Protein backbone atom coordinates (compact mmCIF):
# COMPACT_ATOMS: atom_id res chain seq x y z
CA MET A 1 -14.72 2.27 14.42
CA ASP A 2 -14.86 0.78 10.80
CA VAL A 3 -14.16 -2.32 9.09
CA ASN A 4 -9.95 -1.56 8.35
CA GLU A 5 -9.59 -0.97 11.89
CA PHE A 6 -11.68 -3.65 13.19
CA ASN A 7 -9.86 -6.42 10.98
CA SER A 8 -6.62 -4.93 11.74
CA THR A 9 -6.80 -5.09 14.95
CA VAL A 10 -9.00 -8.17 16.16
CA VAL A 11 -7.20 -11.35 16.95
CA ARG A 12 -8.67 -14.72 15.13
CA ASN A 13 -7.86 -18.08 15.73
CA GLU A 14 -9.94 -20.75 13.61
CA ASP A 15 -10.10 -24.26 13.36
CA PRO A 16 -12.58 -26.52 11.36
CA GLU A 17 -15.65 -26.13 13.64
CA ALA A 18 -15.36 -22.52 15.33
CA ILE A 19 -13.92 -19.12 14.93
CA GLU A 20 -12.61 -17.14 18.49
CA LEU A 21 -12.52 -13.12 18.17
CA ASP A 22 -10.23 -11.94 20.42
CA MET A 23 -11.35 -8.19 21.20
CA GLN A 24 -8.56 -7.81 24.13
CA PRO A 25 -6.08 -5.99 21.74
CA PHE A 26 -8.81 -3.27 21.84
CA GLY A 27 -7.97 -2.07 24.87
CA ALA A 28 -10.81 0.21 26.33
CA ARG A 29 -12.80 0.17 23.24
CA GLN A 30 -13.53 -3.85 23.40
CA ALA A 31 -17.13 -3.10 24.06
CA GLU A 32 -17.38 -0.94 20.90
CA ALA A 33 -15.68 -3.68 18.88
CA VAL A 34 -17.88 -6.59 19.99
CA GLU A 35 -20.79 -4.05 19.21
CA PHE A 36 -19.19 -3.49 15.90
CA TRP A 37 -18.76 -6.95 14.96
CA LEU A 38 -22.40 -7.88 16.28
CA ASP A 39 -23.87 -5.12 13.69
CA ALA A 40 -21.78 -6.79 10.83
CA ALA A 41 -23.19 -10.34 11.77
CA LEU A 42 -26.36 -8.85 11.64
CA THR A 43 -26.29 -7.79 8.03
CA GLN A 44 -23.73 -9.87 6.81
CA GLY A 45 -24.39 -13.36 8.13
CA ASP A 46 -21.41 -15.83 9.00
CA PRO A 47 -20.76 -17.66 5.45
CA PHE A 48 -18.88 -20.15 7.02
CA GLY A 49 -21.71 -21.67 9.27
CA LYS A 50 -19.02 -21.99 12.15
CA ARG A 51 -19.62 -21.36 16.00
CA VAL A 52 -18.34 -17.62 16.87
CA MET A 53 -17.00 -17.68 20.25
CA VAL A 54 -16.03 -13.60 21.34
CA LYS A 55 -13.44 -12.87 23.78
CA THR A 56 -13.26 -10.02 25.80
CA ASP A 57 -11.55 -9.01 29.18
CA ALA A 58 -13.71 -9.87 32.50
CA SER A 59 -14.48 -6.01 32.98
CA VAL A 60 -15.87 -5.36 29.76
CA ILE A 61 -19.62 -4.22 30.01
CA LEU A 62 -21.65 -4.51 27.04
CA SER A 63 -24.87 -2.48 25.96
CA GLN A 64 -28.19 -3.52 27.18
CA SER A 65 -29.08 -4.12 23.60
CA ALA A 66 -25.89 -6.54 22.85
CA PRO A 67 -27.45 -9.84 23.97
CA VAL A 68 -30.46 -8.76 22.21
CA ARG A 69 -28.84 -8.55 18.98
CA ALA A 70 -26.64 -11.65 19.65
CA SER A 71 -30.24 -13.52 19.69
CA GLN A 72 -31.35 -11.93 16.54
CA SER A 73 -28.32 -13.06 14.84
CA CYS A 74 -28.92 -16.55 16.22
CA ASN A 75 -32.14 -16.77 14.90
CA SER A 76 -31.54 -15.33 11.59
CA GLY A 77 -28.52 -18.22 11.21
CA ALA A 78 -25.95 -15.64 11.46
CA PHE A 79 -23.79 -17.55 14.07
CA GLN A 80 -24.04 -19.84 17.47
CA SER A 81 -23.98 -17.85 20.52
CA LEU A 82 -22.86 -18.79 23.74
CA TRP A 83 -24.87 -16.31 25.46
């Protein structure tokens, strides 16, 4: 996955306090999209300082490292997590 594919597929809903990233349009690749976004959040951070909510189907199984990377991002101030 690359940034162009991610940006053209993800559905973003934004309000003054939060950004919702809906990964459902990725279909069977939702977990891959979440992992891609987590990697980008760790390296780029969140320039807007908003809470980020990631929406997936209930059946999506993330890698074991996803919660760790989300925690690292929160600790670095990259984004707030609801884990």
